[in-house]
Protein backbone atom coordinates (compact mmCIF):
# COMPACT_ATOMS: atom_id res chain seq x y z
CA MET A 1 -79.80 44.25 -25.48
CA THR A 2 -76.08 44.51 -24.10
CA ILE A 3 -73.57 43.15 -27.27
CA PRO A 4 -69.92 42.14 -25.97
CA GLU A 5 -67.53 45.05 -26.79
CA HIS A 6 -65.16 43.10 -28.87
CA PHE A 7 -67.93 42.43 -31.36
CA GLU A 8 -67.13 44.96 -34.69
CA SER A 9 -70.20 47.11 -36.03
CA GLN A 10 -70.84 45.59 -39.28
CA SER A 11 -73.59 45.56 -41.89
CA ILE A 12 -75.41 42.82 -43.16
CA LEU A 13 -74.97 42.05 -47.27
CA LEU A 14 -78.03 40.20 -48.23
CA LEU A 15 -77.10 38.14 -51.43
CA VAL A 16 -80.79 37.12 -52.91
CA ALA A 17 -81.14 34.42 -55.12
CA GLY A 18 -84.68 35.39 -57.45
CA LEU A 19 -83.87 39.65 -56.36
CA LYS A 20 -86.53 40.48 -58.83
CA GLY A 21 -89.71 38.43 -57.71
CA ALA A 22 -92.05 40.28 -55.82
CA ILE A 23 -90.56 39.97 -52.07
CA GLY A 24 -87.23 39.87 -53.49
CA SER A 25 -87.98 43.53 -55.17
CA THR A 26 -89.95 44.58 -51.85
CA LEU A 27 -86.88 43.71 -50.03
CA ALA A 28 -84.38 45.85 -51.42
CA THR A 29 -86.81 49.31 -51.87
CA ALA A 30 -86.88 48.12 -47.51
CA ALA A 31 -83.23 48.03 -47.18
CA ALA A 32 -82.78 51.77 -49.40
CA ALA A 33 -85.63 52.77 -46.89
CA LEU A 34 -83.68 51.93 -43.74
CA ARG A 35 -80.56 53.34 -44.84
CA THR A 36 -82.47 56.11 -45.17
CA GLY A 37 -84.07 56.12 -41.25
CA ASP A 38 -87.58 55.16 -42.35
CA THR A 39 -89.17 54.05 -39.19
CA SER A 40 -92.22 52.46 -41.51
CA VAL A 41 -89.83 49.91 -42.12
CA SER A 42 -87.85 49.80 -39.20
CA GLY A 43 -90.76 49.37 -36.51
CA CYS A 44 -92.18 46.22 -38.87
CA LEU A 45 -88.92 44.56 -37.55
CA THR A 46 -88.97 41.78 -34.24
CA THR A 47 -85.31 42.62 -33.96
CA GLY A 48 -85.40 46.40 -34.47
CA ASP A 49 -84.38 47.01 -30.72
CA LYS A 50 -81.95 43.81 -30.52
CA PHE A 51 -77.69 43.82 -31.86
CA THR A 52 -78.52 47.84 -32.25
CA ASP A 53 -74.95 47.94 -31.45
CA ILE A 54 -73.07 45.78 -33.24
CA ILE A 55 -75.80 45.28 -36.40
CA PRO A 56 -77.34 49.39 -36.85
CA VAL A 57 -80.75 48.57 -38.51
CA LYS A 58 -79.68 50.84 -41.34
CA ALA A 59 -76.68 49.07 -42.33
CA LEU A 60 -78.42 46.39 -44.88
CA HIS A 61 -77.37 46.54 -48.45
CA VAL A 62 -78.43 44.06 -50.93
CA ALA A 63 -77.19 42.08 -54.09
CA GLY A 64 -78.32 39.10 -55.84
CA TRP A 65 -79.60 36.82 -58.89
CA ASP A 66 -82.54 36.80 -61.42
CA SER A 67 -82.69 35.64 -64.84
CA ARG A 68 -84.89 38.17 -65.83
CA ASP A 69 -83.36 40.95 -68.29
CA GLU A 70 -85.99 43.89 -66.83
CA ASP A 71 -84.42 46.60 -63.75
CA LEU A 72 -85.18 45.96 -60.44
CA ALA A 73 -87.40 49.16 -60.22
CA GLU A 74 -89.37 47.74 -63.12
CA CYS A 75 -89.73 44.34 -61.68
CA ALA A 76 -90.49 45.94 -58.28
CA HIS A 77 -93.57 48.15 -60.19
CA ARG A 78 -94.60 44.96 -62.05
CA GLY A 79 -95.48 43.14 -59.13
CA ARG A 80 -98.10 45.85 -57.90
CA VAL A 81 -96.51 45.83 -53.99
CA LEU A 82 -95.70 48.93 -53.30
CA PRO A 83 -97.19 52.83 -54.02
CA ALA A 84 -95.48 54.93 -56.79
CA THR A 85 -94.36 57.50 -54.23
CA VAL A 86 -92.53 55.17 -52.20
CA MET A 87 -91.14 53.66 -55.63
CA GLU A 88 -90.04 57.03 -56.96
CA THR A 89 -89.04 58.06 -53.04
CA HIS A 90 -85.88 54.89 -53.88
CA ARG A 91 -85.77 55.03 -57.72
CA ALA A 92 -82.46 55.81 -57.67
CA ALA A 93 -80.90 53.68 -54.72
CA LEU A 94 -82.64 50.36 -57.17
CA ALA A 95 -80.80 50.94 -60.45
CA GLU A 96 -77.38 50.72 -57.78
CA VAL A 97 -78.87 47.03 -56.53
CA PRO A 98 -75.78 44.57 -58.48
CA VAL A 99 -78.16 42.13 -60.02
CA LEU A 100 -76.03 39.10 -62.03
CA LYS A 101 -77.65 36.84 -64.42
CA ALA A 102 -78.58 33.11 -62.43
CA PRO A 103 -77.26 30.50 -63.97
CA GLU A 104 -79.38 28.60 -66.14
CA SER A 105 -77.27 25.53 -67.17
CA GLY A 106 -74.73 23.20 -66.69
CA THR A 107 -73.77 20.41 -64.01
CA LEU A 108 -74.32 21.48 -60.56
CA ASP A 109 -70.80 21.52 -59.98
CA SER A 110 -70.36 24.21 -63.02
CA GLN A 111 -72.86 25.91 -61.04
CA VAL A 112 -71.69 26.25 -57.49
CA GLU A 113 -68.53 26.63 -59.32
CA LYS A 114 -69.99 30.37 -61.45
CA LEU A 115 -71.54 31.36 -58.44
CA GLU A 116 -68.96 31.08 -55.70
CA ALA A 117 -67.28 33.77 -57.89
CA ASP A 118 -70.10 35.56 -58.25
CA ILE A 119 -70.13 35.60 -54.02
CA ASP A 120 -66.55 36.97 -54.19
CA ALA A 121 -67.53 39.14 -56.76
CA LEU A 122 -70.07 40.74 -54.99
CA CYS A 123 -68.94 40.78 -51.39
CA SER A 124 -65.77 42.88 -53.12
CA GLN A 125 -68.42 45.59 -53.91
CA PHE A 126 -69.42 46.43 -50.28
CA PRO A 127 -65.99 45.71 -48.31
CA GLY A 128 -66.97 45.84 -44.97
CA SER A 129 -70.14 43.84 -44.78
CA ARG A 130 -71.10 40.58 -43.63
CA PRO A 131 -72.82 38.46 -46.13
CA VAL A 132 -76.16 36.01 -45.73
CA LEU A 133 -78.12 33.78 -48.53
CA VAL A 134 -81.14 34.64 -49.17
CA ASN A 135 -83.24 31.81 -51.22
CA LEU A 136 -86.29 33.09 -52.74
CA LEU A 137 -86.48 31.17 -55.55
CA PRO A 138 -89.99 29.84 -56.66
CA ALA A 139 -91.56 26.75 -55.38
CA ALA A 140 -89.77 23.78 -57.38
CA ALA A 141 -90.74 20.11 -57.72
CA GLY A 142 -88.24 18.91 -55.40
CA LEU A 143 -85.93 15.93 -55.20
CA GLU A 144 -85.58 13.06 -53.01
CA ALA A 145 -83.16 13.33 -50.18
CA ALA A 146 -79.49 11.60 -51.38
CA ALA A 147 -76.78 9.89 -48.93
CA ASP A 148 -74.36 12.25 -50.27
CA LEU A 149 -72.96 15.43 -52.11
CA ALA A 150 -71.42 12.62 -54.37
CA LYS A 151 -75.05 11.26 -55.50
CA LEU A 152 -76.84 14.42 -55.02
CA SER A 153 -74.65 15.44 -57.94
CA GLN A 154 -75.26 12.81 -60.02
CA VAL A 155 -79.24 13.15 -59.74
CA TYR A 156 -79.46 16.74 -59.57
CA ASP A 157 -82.30 18.11 -61.84
CA PRO A 158 -81.99 22.36 -61.69
CA GLU A 159 -85.73 21.82 -63.04
CA LYS A 160 -86.88 20.42 -59.90
CA LEU A 161 -84.18 22.10 -57.55
CA PRO A 162 -82.73 25.23 -58.75
CA ASP A 163 -82.04 26.97 -55.08
CA LEU A 164 -79.23 23.69 -54.70
CA ALA A 165 -76.61 25.35 -56.59
CA TYR A 166 -76.87 28.47 -54.63
CA VAL A 167 -76.64 27.34 -50.82
CA LEU A 168 -73.71 25.02 -51.51
CA ALA A 169 -71.74 28.14 -53.10
CA ALA A 170 -72.94 30.03 -49.99
CA ILE A 171 -71.85 27.00 -47.70
CA ARG A 172 -68.86 26.75 -49.25
CA SER A 173 -67.92 30.47 -49.22
CA ARG A 174 -68.83 30.33 -45.13
CA VAL A 175 -71.83 32.35 -45.96
CA PRO A 176 -75.22 31.66 -43.91
CA VAL A 177 -77.99 30.12 -45.83
CA LEU A 178 -81.64 31.79 -45.13
CA ASN A 179 -84.55 29.28 -46.73
CA PHE A 180 -87.60 31.14 -46.97
CA THR A 181 -89.15 29.12 -49.70
CA PRO A 182 -90.78 25.83 -49.61
CA ASN A 183 -87.95 23.86 -51.45
CA ARG A 184 -86.61 21.62 -49.60
CA ILE A 185 -83.01 21.96 -49.22
CA GLU A 186 -81.82 21.12 -46.04
CA LEU A 187 -80.88 17.33 -47.08
CA GLU A 188 -78.64 15.81 -44.69
CA PRO A 189 -75.76 16.19 -46.68
CA VAL A 190 -76.17 19.91 -47.11
CA VAL A 191 -76.89 20.35 -43.82
CA ALA A 192 -73.56 17.62 -42.82
CA LEU A 193 -71.32 20.54 -45.58
CA ALA A 194 -72.70 23.44 -43.32
CA GLU A 195 -72.07 22.12 -39.76
CA ASP A 196 -68.47 21.17 -41.32
CA ALA A 197 -67.75 24.55 -41.94
CA GLY A 198 -69.58 26.55 -39.23
CA VAL A 199 -72.28 28.49 -40.87
CA PRO A 200 -76.08 28.27 -39.46
CA ILE A 201 -78.79 27.70 -41.67
CA CYS A 202 -82.52 28.23 -41.27
CA GLY A 203 -85.88 27.33 -43.06
CA TYR A 204 -87.87 26.24 -44.38
CA ASP A 205 -90.75 28.19 -45.68
CA GLY A 206 -91.53 31.33 -44.66
CA LYS A 207 -94.41 31.65 -42.21
CA THR A 208 -96.09 34.93 -43.31
CA GLY A 209 -99.33 35.35 -43.24
CA GLN A 210 -102.50 32.56 -43.26
CA THR A 211 -100.30 30.02 -41.54
CA TYR A 212 -98.87 32.52 -38.50
CA PHE A 213 -102.20 33.65 -37.58
CA LYS A 214 -103.14 29.72 -37.55
CA VAL A 215 -100.05 28.58 -35.23
CA VAL A 216 -101.38 31.21 -33.13
CA LEU A 217 -104.72 30.78 -32.69
CA ALA A 218 -104.19 26.87 -32.54
CA SER A 219 -101.69 27.91 -29.64
CA ALA A 220 -104.52 29.46 -27.94
CA LEU A 221 -107.05 26.74 -28.69
CA LYS A 222 -104.51 24.65 -26.83
CA ALA A 223 -103.87 26.01 -23.65
CA ARG A 224 -108.01 26.33 -23.50
CA GLN A 225 -108.11 22.84 -23.89
CA LEU A 226 -110.84 23.16 -27.14
CA TYR A 227 -111.00 20.94 -29.42
CA VAL A 228 -110.33 21.56 -32.96
CA ASP A 229 -112.80 19.10 -34.80
CA GLY A 230 -111.66 20.84 -38.48
CA TRP A 231 -109.98 23.80 -40.19
CA TYR A 232 -111.08 24.49 -43.44
CA SER A 233 -108.26 27.29 -45.72
CA MET A 234 -108.04 29.13 -48.69
CA ASN A 235 -106.38 31.21 -50.01
CA ILE A 236 -106.09 33.61 -53.35
CA LEU A 237 -103.47 35.68 -54.45
CA GLY A 238 -103.11 37.11 -57.74
CA ASN A 239 -99.09 37.16 -57.91
CA GLU A 240 -96.25 35.21 -59.23
CA ASP A 241 -96.41 32.28 -56.20
CA GLY A 242 -99.68 32.22 -57.09
CA ALA A 243 -98.93 31.43 -60.74
CA ASN A 244 -96.37 28.74 -60.15
CA LEU A 245 -98.23 27.28 -57.83
CA MET A 246 -100.74 26.11 -60.04
CA VAL A 247 -98.18 23.09 -60.90
CA PRO A 248 -99.76 20.59 -58.13
CA GLU A 249 -95.81 19.25 -58.04
CA LYS A 250 -94.81 22.64 -57.54
CA ALA A 251 -97.75 23.20 -54.88
CA SER A 252 -97.43 19.91 -53.20
CA GLY A 253 -94.64 21.11 -50.58
CA LYS A 254 -96.38 24.66 -49.74
CA LEU A 255 -99.87 23.06 -48.94
CA ALA A 256 -98.21 20.41 -46.86
CA ASN A 257 -96.16 22.23 -44.35
CA LYS A 258 -98.95 24.78 -44.33
CA THR A 259 -101.58 21.46 -43.47
CA ASN A 260 -99.22 19.17 -41.41
CA LEU A 261 -97.96 22.14 -38.91
CA LEU A 262 -101.86 22.09 -37.50
CA ASP A 263 -101.55 18.70 -36.00
CA ASP A 264 -98.07 19.24 -34.73
CA VAL A 265 -99.17 22.39 -33.04
CA LEU A 266 -102.05 20.48 -31.53
CA GLY A 267 -100.60 17.22 -30.81
CA TYR A 268 -103.38 14.81 -32.10
CA GLU A 269 -104.48 14.55 -36.06
CA VAL A 270 -107.10 16.86 -36.74
CA GLY A 271 -110.01 14.33 -37.96
CA GLU A 272 -109.16 11.78 -35.98
CA ARG A 273 -112.87 11.31 -35.06
CA TYR A 274 -113.45 10.43 -38.57
CA GLY A 275 -110.64 8.52 -39.84
CA ARG A 276 -109.43 11.05 -42.18
CA PRO A 277 -107.77 14.54 -42.76
CA THR A 278 -110.52 17.62 -41.83
CA HIS A 279 -107.74 20.12 -42.19
CA LYS A 280 -108.03 21.03 -45.91
CA VAL A 281 -105.92 23.79 -47.51
CA HIS A 282 -106.33 25.24 -50.84
CA ILE A 283 -104.35 27.97 -53.06
CA ASP A 284 -106.18 29.70 -55.96
CA TYR A 285 -104.41 31.92 -58.66
CA TYR A 286 -106.95 35.08 -59.01
CA PRO A 287 -104.87 37.63 -60.45
CA PRO A 288 -107.02 40.99 -59.40
CA ARG A 289 -105.65 40.50 -56.20
CA GLY A 290 -101.77 40.40 -57.01
CA ASP A 291 -99.45 40.44 -54.08
CA ALA A 292 -102.44 41.21 -51.93
CA LYS A 293 -103.75 38.53 -50.92
CA GLU A 294 -107.01 37.35 -49.07
CA ALA A 295 -107.08 34.21 -46.73
CA TRP A 296 -110.60 32.40 -45.70
CA ASP A 297 -110.26 30.03 -42.76
CA VAL A 298 -113.63 28.23 -40.95
CA VAL A 299 -112.63 26.57 -37.61
CA ASP A 300 -114.95 24.18 -36.00
CA LEU A 301 -114.76 23.56 -32.49
CA LEU A 302 -116.01 21.50 -29.86
CA GLY A 303 -116.79 22.34 -26.21
CA MET A 304 -117.58 21.06 -22.96
CA PHE A 305 -120.17 18.31 -23.47
CA ASN A 306 -119.02 18.24 -27.30
CA LEU A 307 -120.78 21.29 -27.94
CA PRO A 308 -120.39 22.48 -31.31
CA MET A 309 -118.91 25.75 -32.14
CA SER A 310 -117.30 27.60 -35.52
CA LEU A 311 -114.73 30.59 -36.03
CA ARG A 312 -114.33 32.41 -39.21
CA ILE A 313 -111.15 34.39 -40.22
CA ASP A 314 -111.03 36.47 -43.26
CA LEU A 315 -107.22 37.98 -43.37
CA GLN A 316 -106.69 40.55 -46.38
CA GLY A 317 -102.72 40.27 -46.17
CA ARG A 318 -99.99 41.88 -48.40
CA ASP A 319 -97.69 38.76 -48.93
CA SER A 320 -94.23 40.76 -50.15
CA ILE A 321 -94.84 43.77 -47.14
CA LEU A 322 -95.54 40.86 -44.75
CA ALA A 323 -92.40 38.88 -45.75
CA ALA A 324 -89.51 41.42 -46.37
CA PRO A 325 -89.04 42.03 -42.82
CA MET A 326 -88.84 38.68 -41.66
CA VAL A 327 -86.15 38.36 -43.83
CA ILE A 328 -84.62 41.48 -42.95
CA ASP A 329 -84.60 40.24 -39.19
CA LEU A 330 -83.85 36.29 -40.07
CA ALA A 331 -81.05 38.06 -42.01
CA ARG A 332 -79.85 39.94 -38.41
CA TRP A 333 -80.20 36.64 -36.40
CA LEU A 334 -78.14 34.53 -38.76
CA PHE A 335 -75.39 37.50 -38.80
CA MET A 336 -75.30 37.11 -34.72
CA LEU A 337 -75.30 33.01 -34.61
CA GLN A 338 -72.44 33.09 -36.94
CA GLN A 339 -70.36 35.20 -35.01
CA ILE A 340 -70.53 32.62 -31.59
CA GLY A 341 -70.10 29.91 -33.55
CA ARG A 342 -73.58 28.70 -34.44
CA LYS A 343 -73.30 26.12 -36.98
CA GLY A 344 -75.32 23.81 -39.05
CA LEU A 345 -79.73 23.73 -38.46
CA VAL A 346 -81.15 26.73 -35.75
CA PRO A 347 -84.35 25.43 -34.48
CA GLU A 348 -85.07 28.59 -32.03
CA LEU A 349 -85.92 30.22 -35.38
CA ALA A 350 -89.45 27.80 -35.37
CA PHE A 351 -90.91 31.25 -35.07
CA PHE A 352 -90.46 32.36 -38.65
CA PHE A 353 -91.60 29.34 -40.30
CA LYS A 354 -94.33 26.72 -41.89
CA ASN A 355 -92.13 23.92 -41.30
CA PRO A 356 -89.15 24.83 -38.70
CA LEU A 357 -86.35 22.22 -39.07
CA GLY A 358 -83.55 21.24 -36.65
CA GLU A 359 -83.68 19.06 -33.74
CA ASN A 360 -86.93 19.42 -31.08
CA ALA A 361 -88.11 22.99 -32.76
CA PRO A 362 -90.84 23.94 -30.85
CA ARG A 363 -94.46 23.85 -32.52
CA THR A 364 -96.67 26.21 -30.58
CA PHE A 365 -96.76 30.12 -30.87
CA GLN A 366 -96.07 30.37 -27.01
CA ASP A 367 -92.60 27.95 -27.20
CA GLN A 368 -91.69 29.70 -30.23
CA LEU A 369 -91.48 32.93 -28.61
CA ALA A 370 -89.41 31.36 -25.74
CA ALA A 371 -87.35 29.28 -27.82
CA LEU A 372 -86.10 33.46 -29.22
CA ASP A 373 -85.79 34.51 -25.57
CA GLN A 374 -83.31 31.87 -25.14
CA LEU A 375 -81.49 32.55 -28.54
CA GLU A 376 -81.17 36.13 -27.49
CA ALA A 377 -79.59 34.87 -24.17
CA GLU A 378 -77.34 32.68 -25.93
CA VAL A 379 -76.12 35.25 -27.91
CA ILE A 380 -75.65 37.67 -24.84
CA SER A 381 -73.64 34.75 -22.54
CA LYS A 382 -71.37 33.23 -25.88
CA GLY A 383 -70.51 36.53 -27.44
């Protein structure tokens, strides 16, 4: 990809909310590995061959916030994501990652002010790096949409939407926002503020494993005109995310995102023949699995003459290993999009999300790949 000559080569600073979680600590380890030229990490990036003149793949740093007292390396070890040999290789680099204490109380305004100061302080430690906020906080109960920021401040509940303060602080600091969580922070007043500030924002709910393959397969079935009569999905995972999602109020957003997308891809309601949904999604916490989650799918199809067929899928994935490269890819996209003046929601990044936001966000796998190609062409033409 040809990058315009006036673009200055820079590094990216990932400012991670929830840095000591499984994905955050894996992300910090991946960044350290990239700086050593580890091709087992760079080879997993979909942007590994893009933007390299302006953002070298190894030019990546990590800092952020968390409420836990353990050091980052200990949290990474406790997450049971990475083998001991990898942890030992990068333990010294993890010890140097700045981690600030997450705000745990106060009004929305006071939390935003603290986080703005934190952003300034963290950026000062990495002069020349362009920051991107990465939201990796746990699933929360969520808030209803508000008409304006004043009303949002009045109804703010940090238990229901802890990430909102981080997002507002980032936007006010002119920092792009990546929402990888199932928490809907892209409320109308927040998006309006991002547009006014010239800040791109993308989300929400990263599409890492089962849902990614569901979109791929559903798009393929649609292309063959094979009718999906029912789809049953089961997930078992034993990490902190799995435990958190056992609270129904916190799981509702993720379950909705994993469920609704299938109708969007296919263009009809799965279960319409029965007068009730036959797309079922379940998540269960199973500690022995740790971060190595497993997903089972049963797909019932109808072919010519309405003859039934079925598929069985068993994905044995690693949640954080799948997620961390996507976060890096998205941060690189946001960096470039801010360079060319994109602001507000970026629907062309739908490829990465369960519930992509923005006007006419593409839903099928083919359309999502095409949108990324168009976005790359826009970067070239406007740069």
